[in-house]
PDB file of N, CA and C in Angstrom:
ATOM      1  N   MET A   1       1.069  -0.949  -0.322  1.00  0.00           N
ATOM      2  CA  MET A   1       0.187   0.013   0.109  1.00  0.00           C
ATOM      3  C   MET A   1       1.395   0.896  -0.154  1.00  0.00           C
ATOM      4  N   GLY A   2       0.167   2.238  -0.388  1.00  0.00           N
ATOM      5  CA  GLY A   2       1.223   3.988  -0.281  1.00  0.00           C
ATOM      6  C   GLY A   2       1.544   3.978  -1.918  1.00  0.00           C
ATOM      7  N   VAL A   3       1.549   3.361  -2.471  1.00  0.00           N
ATOM      8  CA  VAL A   3       1.738   3.732  -4.079  1.00  0.00           C
ATOM      9  C   VAL A   3       0.053   3.943  -4.539  1.00  0.00           C
ATOM     10  N   VAL A   4       0.451   4.403  -5.853  1.00  0.00           N
ATOM     11  CA  VAL A   4      -0.628   5.510  -6.782  1.00  0.00           C
ATOM     12  C   VAL A   4      -1.803   3.818  -7.802  1.00  0.00           C
ATOM     13  N   SER A   5      -0.403   2.477  -7.437  1.00  0.00           N
ATOM     14  CA  SER A   5      -1.250   1.012  -7.982  1.00  0.00           C
ATOM     15  C   SER A   5      -1.226   0.270  -7.302  1.00  0.00           C
ATOM     16  N   SER A   6      -0.851   0.580  -6.178  1.00  0.00           N
ATOM     17  CA  SER A   6      -1.776  -0.275  -4.393  1.00  0.00           C
ATOM     18  C   SER A   6      -2.908  -1.305  -5.055  1.00  0.00           C
ATOM     19  N   LEU A   7      -4.361  -0.572  -4.729  1.00  0.00           N
ATOM     20  CA  LEU A   7      -5.351  -0.456  -5.568  1.00  0.00           C
ATOM     21  C   LEU A   7      -5.807  -1.244  -6.472  1.00  0.00           C
ATOM     22  N   ASP A   8      -5.615  -0.902  -7.400  1.00  0.00           N
ATOM     23  CA  ASP A   8      -5.417  -1.566  -9.202  1.00  0.00           C
ATOM     24  C   ASP A   8      -5.433  -3.495  -8.894  1.00  0.00           C
ATOM     25  N   LEU A   9      -3.776  -3.257  -8.286  1.00  0.00           N
ATOM     26  CA  LEU A   9      -2.697  -4.166  -8.001  1.00  0.00           C
ATOM     27  C   LEU A   9      -3.335  -5.747  -7.602  1.00  0.00           C
ATOM     28  N   ALA A  10      -3.820  -4.797  -6.501  1.00  0.00           N
ATOM     29  CA  ALA A  10      -4.516  -5.745  -5.605  1.00  0.00           C
ATOM     30  C   ALA A  10      -5.870  -5.918  -5.973  1.00  0.00           C
ATOM     31  N   ASN A  11      -6.635  -5.849  -6.844  1.00  0.00           N
ATOM     32  CA  ASN A  11      -8.031  -6.327  -6.873  1.00  0.00           C
ATOM     33  C   ASN A  11      -7.558  -7.242  -8.389  1.00  0.00           C
ATOM     34  N   LEU A  12      -6.840  -6.634  -9.202  1.00  0.00           N
ATOM     35  CA  LEU A  12      -6.057  -7.379 -10.307  1.00  0.00           C
ATOM     36  C   LEU A  12      -5.687  -8.782  -9.977  1.00  0.00           C
ATOM     37  N   TYR A  13      -5.158  -8.839  -8.265  1.00  0.00           N
ATOM     38  CA  TYR A  13      -4.092 -10.550  -7.988  1.00  0.00           C
ATOM     39  C   TYR A  13      -5.747 -11.017  -7.861  1.00  0.00           C
ATOM     40  N   GLY A  14      -6.436 -10.153  -6.653  1.00  0.00           N
ATOM     41  CA  GLY A  14      -8.040 -11.543  -5.709  1.00  0.00           C
ATOM     42  C   GLY A  14      -8.708 -11.472  -7.574  1.00  0.00           C
ATOM     43  N   CYS A  15      -9.150 -11.029  -8.257  1.00  0.00           N
ATOM     44  CA  CYS A  15      -9.775 -11.011  -9.487  1.00  0.00           C
ATOM     45  C   CYS A  15      -9.179 -12.333 -10.496  1.00  0.00           C
ATOM     46  N   PHE A  16      -7.990 -12.324 -10.332  1.00  0.00           N
ATOM     47  CA  PHE A  16      -7.231 -13.308 -11.171  1.00  0.00           C
ATOM     48  C   PHE A  16      -7.749 -14.461 -10.515  1.00  0.00           C
ATOM     49  N   PHE A  17      -7.729 -15.122  -9.080  1.00  0.00           N
ATOM     50  CA  PHE A  17      -7.801 -15.827  -8.267  1.00  0.00           C
ATOM     51  C   PHE A  17      -8.687 -16.874  -8.624  1.00  0.00           C
ATOM     52  N   LYS A  18     -10.128 -15.599  -8.040  1.00  0.00           N
ATOM     53  CA  LYS A  18     -11.769 -15.992  -8.128  1.00  0.00           C
ATOM     54  C   LYS A  18     -12.278 -15.989  -9.545  1.00  0.00           C
ATOM     55  N   ASP A  19     -11.185 -15.700 -10.889  1.00  0.00           N
ATOM     56  CA  ASP A  19     -11.958 -16.391 -12.226  1.00  0.00           C
ATOM     57  C   ASP A  19     -11.102 -17.519 -11.878  1.00  0.00           C
ATOM     58  N   ARG A  20      -9.944 -17.721 -11.225  1.00  0.00           N
ATOM     59  CA  ARG A  20      -9.447 -19.461 -11.600  1.00  0.00           C
ATOM     60  C   ARG A  20     -10.141 -20.064 -11.123  1.00  0.00           C
ATOM     61  N   ALA A  21     -10.443 -20.258  -9.845  1.00  0.00           N
ATOM     62  CA  ALA A  21     -11.668 -21.146  -8.944  1.00  0.00           C
ATOM     63  C   ALA A  21     -12.795 -21.204  -9.817  1.00  0.00           C
ATOM     64  N   GLY A  22     -13.177 -20.287 -10.796  1.00  0.00           N
ATOM     65  CA  GLY A  22     -14.804 -20.497 -11.169  1.00  0.00           C
ATOM     66  C   GLY A  22     -15.927 -20.763 -10.072  1.00  0.00           C
ATOM     67  N   VAL A  23     -15.631 -19.568  -9.117  1.00  0.00           N
ATOM     68  CA  VAL A  23     -16.242 -19.455  -7.698  1.00  0.00           C
ATOM     69  C   VAL A  23     -17.906 -18.990  -8.263  1.00  0.00           C
ATOM     70  N   HIS A  24     -18.581 -18.591  -9.399  1.00  0.00           N
ATOM     71  CA  HIS A  24     -19.449 -17.718 -10.085  1.00  0.00           C
ATOM     72  C   HIS A  24     -19.878 -18.614 -10.170  1.00  0.00           C
ATOM     73  N   LEU A  25     -19.729 -19.330 -11.215  1.00  0.00           N
ATOM     74  CA  LEU A  25     -20.197 -21.230 -11.473  1.00  0.00           C
ATOM     75  C   LEU A  25     -20.415 -21.921 -10.370  1.00  0.00           C
ATOM     76  N   HIS A  26     -20.318 -22.096  -9.487  1.00  0.00           N
ATOM     77  CA  HIS A  26     -20.522 -22.967  -8.748  1.00  0.00           C
ATOM     78  C   HIS A  26     -22.141 -23.001  -8.233  1.00  0.00           C
ATOM     79  N   PRO A  27     -22.836 -23.953  -7.841  1.00  0.00           N
ATOM     80  CA  PRO A  27     -24.649 -23.796  -7.746  1.00  0.00           C
ATOM     81  C   PRO A  27     -24.452 -24.046  -6.399  1.00  0.00           C
ATOM     82  N   ASP A  28     -23.629 -24.339  -5.251  1.00  0.00           N
ATOM     83  CA  ASP A  28     -23.817 -23.533  -3.686  1.00  0.00           C
ATOM     84  C   ASP A  28     -22.939 -22.412  -2.944  1.00  0.00           C
ATOM     85  N   ILE A  29     -22.817 -21.320  -4.136  1.00  0.00           N
ATOM     86  CA  ILE A  29     -22.653 -19.975  -4.051  1.00  0.00           C
ATOM     87  C   ILE A  29     -23.477 -19.292  -5.234  1.00  0.00           C
ATOM     88  N   PRO A  30     -24.510 -18.222  -4.365  1.00  0.00           N
ATOM     89  CA  PRO A  30     -25.630 -17.528  -5.509  1.00  0.00           C
ATOM     90  C   PRO A  30     -24.687 -16.576  -5.336  1.00  0.00           C
ATOM     91  N   PHE A  31     -23.640 -15.835  -4.693  1.00  0.00           N
ATOM     92  CA  PHE A  31     -23.013 -14.741  -4.370  1.00  0.00           C
ATOM     93  C   PHE A  31     -21.833 -15.166  -3.735  1.00  0.00           C
ATOM     94  N   TYR A  32     -20.794 -14.224  -5.010  1.00  0.00           N
ATOM     95  CA  TYR A  32     -19.146 -14.305  -3.830  1.00  0.00           C
ATOM     96  C   TYR A  32     -19.276 -12.941  -4.671  1.00  0.00           C
ATOM     97  N   GLY A  33     -18.273 -11.887  -3.154  1.00  0.00           N
ATOM     98  CA  GLY A  33     -18.129 -10.297  -3.461  1.00  0.00           C
ATOM     99  C   GLY A  33     -16.734 -10.270  -2.977  1.00  0.00           C
ATOM    100  N   ARG A  34     -15.925  -9.438  -3.346  1.00  0.00           N
ATOM    101  CA  ARG A  34     -14.739  -8.505  -2.933  1.00  0.00           C
ATOM    102  C   ARG A  34     -14.076  -7.863  -2.886  1.00  0.00           C
ATOM    103  N   TYR A  35     -13.325  -6.825  -1.419  1.00  0.00           N
ATOM    104  CA  TYR A  35     -13.524  -5.143  -1.617  1.00  0.00           C
ATOM    105  C   TYR A  35     -12.204  -5.037  -1.434  1.00  0.00           C
ATOM    106  N   ILE A  36     -11.074  -5.504  -2.500  1.00  0.00           N
ATOM    107  CA  ILE A  36      -9.996  -5.464  -2.005  1.00  0.00           C
ATOM    108  C   ILE A  36      -9.634  -6.589  -1.640  1.00  0.00           C
ATOM    109  N   ASP A  37      -8.911  -6.836  -0.517  1.00  0.00           N
ATOM    110  CA  ASP A  37      -8.437  -7.886   0.495  1.00  0.00           C
ATOM    111  C   ASP A  37      -9.504  -8.798   1.073  1.00  0.00           C
ATOM    112  N   ASP A  38     -11.002  -7.912   1.734  1.00  0.00           N
ATOM    113  CA  ASP A  38     -11.707  -8.756   2.054  1.00  0.00           C
ATOM    114  C   ASP A  38     -13.521  -9.272   1.485  1.00  0.00           C
ATOM    115  N   CYS A  39     -13.491 -10.630   1.315  1.00  0.00           N
ATOM    116  CA  CYS A  39     -14.038 -11.644   0.457  1.00  0.00           C
ATOM    117  C   CYS A  39     -15.264 -11.496   0.689  1.00  0.00           C
ATOM    118  N   PHE A  40     -16.477 -11.869   0.477  1.00  0.00           N
ATOM    119  CA  PHE A  40     -17.694 -11.841   1.446  1.00  0.00           C
ATOM    120  C   PHE A  40     -18.443 -13.445   0.626  1.00  0.00           C
ATOM    121  N   GLY A  41     -19.189 -14.536   0.845  1.00  0.00           N
ATOM    122  CA  GLY A  41     -20.374 -15.427   0.007  1.00  0.00           C
ATOM    123  C   GLY A  41     -20.726 -15.467   0.938  1.00  0.00           C
ATOM    124  N   LEU A  42     -22.624 -16.395   0.189  1.00  0.00           N
ATOM    125  CA  LEU A  42     -23.723 -16.570   0.217  1.00  0.00           C
ATOM    126  C   LEU A  42     -23.236 -17.504   0.020  1.00  0.00           C
ATOM    127  N   VAL A  43     -23.466 -18.996   0.917  1.00  0.00           N
ATOM    128  CA  VAL A  43     -23.170 -20.293   1.028  1.00  0.00           C
ATOM    129  C   VAL A  43     -23.944 -21.392   0.944  1.00  0.00           C
ATOM    130  N   TYR A  44     -24.968 -22.253   0.186  1.00  0.00           N
ATOM    131  CA  TYR A  44     -25.971 -22.630   0.271  1.00  0.00           C
ATOM    132  C   TYR A  44     -25.312 -24.098   1.227  1.00  0.00           C
ATOM    133  N   ALA A  45     -25.471 -24.358   2.008  1.00  0.00           N
ATOM    134  CA  ALA A  45     -24.874 -25.265   3.066  1.00  0.00           C
ATOM    135  C   ALA A  45     -25.311 -26.085   4.129  1.00  0.00           C
ATOM    136  N   LYS A  46     -25.304 -27.788   4.557  1.00  0.00           N
ATOM    137  CA  LYS A  46     -26.016 -27.688   6.263  1.00  0.00           C
ATOM    138  C   LYS A  46     -25.552 -27.484   7.040  1.00  0.00           C
ATOM    139  N   ASP A  47     -24.283 -26.601   7.327  1.00  0.00           N
ATOM    140  CA  ASP A  47     -24.273 -26.291   8.798  1.00  0.00           C
ATOM    141  C   ASP A  47     -22.957 -25.589   8.033  1.00  0.00           C
ATOM    142  N   GLU A  48     -22.514 -23.699   8.875  1.00  0.00           N
ATOM    143  CA  GLU A  48     -21.448 -23.069   9.179  1.00  0.00           C
ATOM    144  C   GLU A  48     -20.289 -24.101   8.906  1.00  0.00           C
ATOM    145  N   LEU A  49     -19.527 -24.641   9.111  1.00  0.00           N
ATOM    146  CA  LEU A  49     -18.137 -26.073   9.100  1.00  0.00           C
ATOM    147  C   LEU A  49     -18.420 -26.118   7.482  1.00  0.00           C
ATOM    148  N   SER A  50     -19.265 -26.910   7.243  1.00  0.00           N
ATOM    149  CA  SER A  50     -18.695 -27.306   5.396  1.00  0.00           C
ATOM    150  C   SER A  50     -19.587 -25.646   4.310  1.00  0.00           C
ATOM    151  N   ALA A  51     -20.489 -24.822   5.476  1.00  0.00           N
ATOM    152  CA  ALA A  51     -19.614 -23.490   3.886  1.00  0.00           C
ATOM    153  C   ALA A  51     -18.260 -23.238   3.928  1.00  0.00           C
ATOM    154  N   LYS A  52     -18.177 -22.877   5.212  1.00  0.00           N
ATOM    155  CA  LYS A  52     -16.644 -22.516   5.283  1.00  0.00           C
ATOM    156  C   LYS A  52     -15.236 -23.362   4.743  1.00  0.00           C
ATOM    157  N   CYS A  53     -15.653 -25.157   4.746  1.00  0.00           N
ATOM    158  CA  CYS A  53     -14.480 -25.531   4.231  1.00  0.00           C
ATOM    159  C   CYS A  53     -14.654 -25.474   2.599  1.00  0.00           C
ATOM    160  N   LEU A  54     -16.270 -25.220   1.994  1.00  0.00           N
ATOM    161  CA  LEU A  54     -15.931 -25.356   0.212  1.00  0.00           C
ATOM    162  C   LEU A  54     -15.308 -23.703   0.641  1.00  0.00           C
ATOM    163  N   LEU A  55     -15.325 -22.754   1.556  1.00  0.00           N
ATOM    164  CA  LEU A  55     -14.376 -22.061   0.463  1.00  0.00           C
ATOM    165  C   LEU A  55     -12.875 -21.411   0.749  1.00  0.00           C
ATOM    166  N   GLU A  56     -12.634 -22.281   1.924  1.00  0.00           N
ATOM    167  CA  GLU A  56     -11.709 -22.257   1.743  1.00  0.00           C
ATOM    168  C   GLU A  56     -10.874 -23.405   0.753  1.00  0.00           C
ATOM    169  N   ASN A  57     -11.525 -24.329   0.433  1.00  0.00           N
ATOM    170  CA  ASN A  57     -10.798 -25.549  -0.005  1.00  0.00           C
ATOM    171  C   ASN A  57     -11.525 -24.483  -1.578  1.00  0.00           C
ATOM    172  N   LEU A  58     -12.181 -23.874  -2.038  1.00  0.00           N
ATOM    173  CA  LEU A  58     -12.253 -23.451  -3.729  1.00  0.00           C
ATOM    174  C   LEU A  58     -11.649 -22.552  -3.805  1.00  0.00           C
ATOM    175  N   ILE A  59     -11.311 -21.063  -3.330  1.00  0.00           N
ATOM    176  CA  ILE A  59     -10.831 -19.857  -3.063  1.00  0.00           C
ATOM    177  C   ILE A  59      -9.763 -19.744  -2.751  1.00  0.00           C
ATOM    178  N   ILE A  60      -8.205 -19.892  -2.994  1.00  0.00           N
ATOM    179  CA  ILE A  60      -7.176 -19.959  -2.172  1.00  0.00           C
ATOM    180  C   ILE A  60      -6.524 -18.951  -3.465  1.00  0.00           C
ATOM    181  N   PHE A  61      -5.249 -18.228  -2.731  1.00  0.00           N
ATOM    182  CA  PHE A  61      -4.891 -16.847  -3.339  1.00  0.00           C
ATOM    183  C   PHE A  61      -3.755 -17.399  -3.404  1.00  0.00           C
ATOM    184  N   ASN A  62      -2.524 -17.536  -3.870  1.00  0.00           N
ATOM    185  CA  ASN A  62      -1.152 -17.592  -3.278  1.00  0.00           C
ATOM    186  C   ASN A  62      -0.457 -16.869  -2.396  1.00  0.00           C
ATOM    187  N   ASN A  63       0.368 -17.398  -1.743  1.00  0.00           N
ATOM    188  CA  ASN A  63       1.512 -16.822  -0.853  1.00  0.00           C
ATOM    189  C   ASN A  63       0.066 -15.167  -0.393  1.00  0.00           C
ATOM    190  N   CYS A  64      -1.001 -15.625   0.068  1.00  0.00           N
ATOM    191  CA  CYS A  64      -1.665 -15.081   1.276  1.00  0.00           C
ATOM    192  C   CYS A  64      -3.027 -16.046   1.424  1.00  0.00           C
ATOM    193  N   THR A  65      -3.196 -15.960   3.001  1.00  0.00           N
ATOM    194  CA  THR A  65      -3.897 -16.180   3.797  1.00  0.00           C
ATOM    195  C   THR A  65      -4.875 -15.615   4.124  1.00  0.00           C
ATOM    196  N   ILE A  66      -6.291 -16.641   3.784  1.00  0.00           N
ATOM    197  CA  ILE A  66      -7.651 -15.695   3.930  1.00  0.00           C
ATOM    198  C   ILE A  66      -8.387 -16.174   4.677  1.00  0.00           C
ATOM    199  N   GLU A  67      -8.562 -15.461   6.385  1.00  0.00           N
ATOM    200  CA  GLU A  67      -9.677 -16.376   7.260  1.00  0.00           C
ATOM    201  C   GLU A  67     -11.490 -16.274   7.265  1.00  0.00           C
ATOM    202  N   TRP A  68     -11.695 -17.049   7.249  1.00  0.00           N
ATOM    203  CA  TRP A  68     -12.863 -17.138   7.049  1.00  0.00           C
ATOM    204  C   TRP A  68     -13.324 -17.374   7.847  1.00  0.00           C
ATOM    205  N   SER A  69     -14.821 -16.977   8.271  1.00  0.00           N
ATOM    206  CA  SER A  69     -15.695 -17.021   9.476  1.00  0.00           C
ATOM    207  C   SER A  69     -17.761 -16.870   8.671  1.00  0.00           C
ATOM    208  N   ALA A  70     -18.318 -17.813   9.652  1.00  0.00           N
ATOM    209  CA  ALA A  70     -19.167 -18.575   9.227  1.00  0.00           C
ATOM    210  C   ALA A  70     -20.195 -18.425   9.829  1.00  0.00           C
ATOM    211  N   SER A  71     -21.293 -18.251   9.701  1.00  0.00           N
ATOM    212  CA  SER A  71     -22.720 -17.790  10.004  1.00  0.00           C
ATOM    213  C   SER A  71     -24.064 -18.273   9.509  1.00  0.00           C
ATOM    214  N   ASP A  72     -25.100 -18.479  10.683  1.00  0.00           N
ATOM    215  CA  ASP A  72     -25.969 -18.792   9.723  1.00  0.00           C
ATOM    216  C   ASP A  72     -27.310 -17.704   9.896  1.00  0.00           C
ATOM    217  N   SER A  73     -26.269 -17.108  10.966  1.00  0.00           N
ATOM    218  CA  SER A  73     -27.881 -16.150  11.051  1.00  0.00           C
ATOM    219  C   SER A  73     -26.905 -14.558  10.974  1.00  0.00           C
ATOM    220  N   TYR A  74     -25.521 -13.770  11.052  1.00  0.00           N
ATOM    221  CA  TYR A  74     -25.664 -12.993  10.923  1.00  0.00           C
ATOM    222  C   TYR A  74     -23.806 -12.769  10.772  1.00  0.00           C
ATOM    223  N   MET A  75     -23.261 -11.742   9.933  1.00  0.00           N
ATOM    224  CA  MET A  75     -21.877 -11.387   9.331  1.00  0.00           C
ATOM    225  C   MET A  75     -21.962  -9.656   9.413  1.00  0.00           C
ATOM    226  N   THR A  76     -20.086  -9.784   9.953  1.00  0.00           N
ATOM    227  CA  THR A  76     -20.404  -8.680   9.545  1.00  0.00           C
ATOM    228  C   THR A  76     -19.027  -8.868   8.314  1.00  0.00           C
ATOM    229  N   PHE A  77     -19.060  -7.316   7.301  1.00  0.00           N
ATOM    230  CA  PHE A  77     -18.592  -6.900   6.319  1.00  0.00           C
ATOM    231  C   PHE A  77     -18.004  -5.928   5.746  1.00  0.00           C
ATOM    232  N   LEU A  78     -16.998  -5.701   6.011  1.00  0.00           N
ATOM    233  CA  LEU A  78     -16.450  -3.911   6.013  1.00  0.00           C
ATOM    234  C   LEU A  78     -16.992  -3.195   6.640  1.00  0.00           C
ATOM    235  N   ASP A  79     -18.052  -2.334   7.038  1.00  0.00           N
ATOM    236  CA  ASP A  79     -18.780  -1.778   7.748  1.00  0.00           C
ATOM    237  C   ASP A  79     -20.666  -1.493   8.230  1.00  0.00           C
ATOM    238  N   MET A  80     -20.530  -2.762   7.686  1.00  0.00           N
ATOM    239  CA  MET A  80     -22.283  -3.374   7.895  1.00  0.00           C
ATOM    240  C   MET A  80     -22.321  -4.401   8.105  1.00  0.00           C
ATOM    241  N   THR A  81     -23.372  -4.971   8.591  1.00  0.00           N
ATOM    242  CA  THR A  81     -23.652  -6.534   9.777  1.00  0.00           C
ATOM    243  C   THR A  81     -24.889  -6.732   8.176  1.00  0.00           C
ATOM    244  N   LEU A  82     -24.713  -8.061   7.860  1.00  0.00           N
ATOM    245  CA  LEU A  82     -25.984  -8.195   7.422  1.00  0.00           C
ATOM    246  C   LEU A  82     -26.302  -9.881   8.105  1.00  0.00           C
ATOM    247  N   PHE A  83     -27.453  -9.843   7.462  1.00  0.00           N
ATOM    248  CA  PHE A  83     -28.556 -10.446   8.556  1.00  0.00           C
ATOM    249  C   PHE A  83     -30.098 -10.871   8.209  1.00  0.00           C
ATOM    250  N   PHE A  84     -30.118 -12.251   8.870  1.00  0.00           N
ATOM    251  CA  PHE A  84     -32.096 -12.538   7.995  1.00  0.00           C
ATOM    252  C   PHE A  84     -32.958 -11.946   8.906  1.00  0.00           C
ATOM    253  N   ASP A  85     -33.575 -11.382   7.895  1.00  0.00           N
ATOM    254  CA  ASP A  85     -35.266 -11.590   9.062  1.00  0.00           C
ATOM    255  C   ASP A  85     -35.279 -12.672   9.229  1.00  0.00           C
ATOM    256  N   LYS A  86     -37.035 -12.319  10.561  1.00  0.00           N
ATOM    257  CA  LYS A  86     -37.557 -13.689  11.001  1.00  0.00           C
ATOM    258  C   LYS A  86     -38.245 -14.080   9.309  1.00  0.00           C
ATOM    259  N   ASN A  87     -38.085 -12.944   8.421  1.00  0.00           N
ATOM    260  CA  ASN A  87     -39.097 -13.937   7.079  1.00  0.00           C
ATOM    261  C   ASN A  87     -37.821 -14.220   6.567  1.00  0.00           C
ATOM    262  N   LYS A  88     -37.123 -14.582   6.591  1.00  0.00           N
ATOM    263  CA  LYS A  88     -34.894 -15.316   6.409  1.00  0.00           C
ATOM    264  C   LYS A  88     -34.644 -13.902   5.198  1.00  0.00           C
ATOM    265  N   THR A  89     -35.464 -13.159   5.005  1.00  0.00           N
ATOM    266  CA  THR A  89     -34.952 -11.598   3.738  1.00  0.00           C
ATOM    267  C   THR A  89     -33.664 -11.064   4.285  1.00  0.00           C
ATOM    268  N   PRO A  90     -32.832 -10.809   3.337  1.00  0.00           N
ATOM    269  CA  PRO A  90     -32.104 -10.539   4.114  1.00  0.00           C
ATOM    270  C   PRO A  90     -32.150  -8.608   3.982  1.00  0.00           C
ATOM    271  N   GLN A  91     -31.264  -8.433   4.958  1.00  0.00           N
ATOM    272  CA  GLN A  91     -30.963  -7.209   5.571  1.00  0.00           C
ATOM    273  C   GLN A  91     -29.581  -6.756   6.105  1.00  0.00           C
ATOM    274  N   TRP A  92     -29.535  -5.389   6.670  1.00  0.00           N
ATOM    275  CA  TRP A  92     -28.580  -4.950   6.814  1.00  0.00           C
ATOM    276  C   TRP A  92     -28.681  -4.056   7.964  1.00  0.00           C
ATOM    277  N   HIS A  93     -27.698  -3.778   8.626  1.00  0.00           N
ATOM    278  CA  HIS A  93     -27.360  -2.092   9.105  1.00  0.00           C
ATOM    279  C   HIS A  93     -25.878  -1.936   9.403  1.00  0.00           C
ATOM    280  N   PRO A  94     -25.434  -0.766   9.881  1.00  0.00           N
ATOM    281  CA  PRO A  94     -24.105   0.004   9.734  1.00  0.00           C
ATOM    282  C   PRO A  94     -23.265  -0.700  10.889  1.00  0.00           C
ATOM    283  N   TYR A  95     -21.997  -1.052  10.841  1.00  0.00           N
ATOM    284  CA  TYR A  95     -21.503  -1.381  11.833  1.00  0.00           C
ATOM    285  C   TYR A  95     -20.343  -0.906  11.917  1.00  0.00           C
ATOM    286  N   ARG A  96     -20.539  -0.710  13.008  1.00  0.00           N
ATOM    287  CA  ARG A  96     -19.256   0.259  13.688  1.00  0.00           C
ATOM    288  C   ARG A  96     -18.499  -0.552  14.828  1.00  0.00           C
ATOM    289  N   LYS A  97     -16.533  -0.155  14.627  1.00  0.00           N
ATOM    290  CA  LYS A  97     -15.964  -0.640  15.574  1.00  0.00           C
ATOM    291  C   LYS A  97     -15.737  -0.394  16.906  1.00  0.00           C
ATOM    292  N   LEU A  98     -15.863  -1.001  18.541  1.00  0.00           N
ATOM    293  CA  LEU A  98     -16.363  -0.530  19.561  1.00  0.00           C
ATOM    294  C   LEU A  98     -15.764   0.583  19.732  1.00  0.00           C
ATOM    295  N   LEU A  99     -14.127   0.483  19.229  1.00  0.00           N
ATOM    296  CA  LEU A  99     -12.848   2.115  19.309  1.00  0.00           C
ATOM    297  C   LEU A  99     -13.675   2.810  18.215  1.00  0.00           C
ATOM    298  N   ASN A 100     -15.036   2.365  17.493  1.00  0.00           N
ATOM    299  CA  ASN A 100     -14.042   3.943  16.483  1.00  0.00           C
ATOM    300  C   ASN A 100     -14.919   4.995  17.224  1.00  0.00           C
ATOM    301  N   TYR A 101     -14.160   6.541  16.778  1.00  0.00           N
ATOM    302  CA  TYR A 101     -13.722   7.259  17.181  1.00  0.00           C
ATOM    303  C   TYR A 101     -14.478   8.710  16.084  1.00  0.00           C
ATOM    304  N   PHE A 102     -14.443   8.008  15.132  1.00  0.00           N
ATOM    305  CA  PHE A 102     -14.857   8.549  13.379  1.00  0.00           C
ATOM    306  C   PHE A 102     -14.275  10.522  13.932  1.00  0.00           C
ATOM    307  N   GLU A 103     -13.149  10.180  13.515  1.00  0.00           N
ATOM    308  CA  GLU A 103     -11.852  10.243  13.619  1.00  0.00           C
ATOM    309  C   GLU A 103     -10.676   9.729  12.028  1.00  0.00           C
ATOM    310  N   CYS A 104     -10.274  11.108  11.663  1.00  0.00           N
ATOM    311  CA  CYS A 104      -9.708  11.311  10.257  1.00  0.00           C
ATOM    312  C   CYS A 104      -8.379  10.841  10.136  1.00  0.00           C
ATOM    313  N   ILE A 105      -7.407  10.301   9.948  1.00  0.00           N
ATOM    314  CA  ILE A 105      -5.773  10.153   9.628  1.00  0.00           C
ATOM    315  C   ILE A 105      -6.085  11.139   8.380  1.00  0.00           C
ATOM    316  N   PRO A 106      -4.781  12.297   8.713  1.00  0.00           N
ATOM    317  CA  PRO A 106      -5.247  13.271   7.873  1.00  0.00           C
ATOM    318  C   PRO A 106      -3.706  12.227   6.601  1.00  0.00           C
TER     319      PRO A 106
END
């Protein structure tokens, strides 16, 4: 980071491995998205462990370690929490880290 082209290079790197894995063609992954180095996927699975294992075994970036987490009720991604309401409709609300003081670093 710190170089003008860093974001573009990081996105190209992530896109290369996403395309190589064929994640968008997998029938058990209706959605997969990525912002730089943060990945998010909706997975059809019998439990959280199965969903996590599917993504761990399918999406592999060379020289990078991806730490996947899974939940059948909610997940935090970047600055939002995604969850399903009582009707199983996807919803979201803003997420703020506990020590977020809304300060900007110049």
